[in-house]
Amino acid sequence: MAEEEKMALSVTPACAREAGDASGGRSISGPEGARDWKPSNGQWRLASVMMNPAAAGLSVAEKATLAGISERSCKRYLADPRFREWVAGLFRQGVFDEIAPILDAAQRVARVATKDGFNDRRMLLEMAGLVETTVNQRHSGEVKGHGPVQYVIIEALEECGAVEPGGD
């Protein structure tokens, strides 16, 4: 990995905290019976590396190096379900922070009771899983010297033996 790429990937814990703490600064309750959990500075650094899309293909050792922690600590953090849950929360919050203005704009346009708001209303309903858009596509037209497209396709399929001749 080039030195400038390493520099672009490295993030300090303070920068990661500015990006947003999914726990809201609170301790995170662990699995049943576990005491409350707070991320360490090393975990913050590892989380900031993991949140960077440029680090997606890196090995555990490379991520550990960028986070300034040992490979053993990195593996221990990654095996901890509380850490994984916390990083997933950070990721969800980061995604939401980026798309919230877009969704707000779509909702404003969707509220307009004219045809202008139709696509935005459809998009919001699709995202909510309430509507599924289907596309019915039909091939038509002529292939020069051969006739309608659907017949040319059928003839080609018959020639290669993919369908029985004379069948639909």
Foldseek 3Di string as FASTA:
>chain_A
DDPVLLVVLADFLVRLVVLDFLVNPDFPDAPPPDDTHDDDRLLSRLLSNVLDPVCVPPDLCSSCVSSVHHSVVSVVLVVGPVSVVRSVSSNVVNVCVVCVVVLVVLVVLLPPPDPSNVVSVVVVCVVVVNDDDDDDDDQFDADPPPGIPVVVVVVVCCVVPVDPPPDD
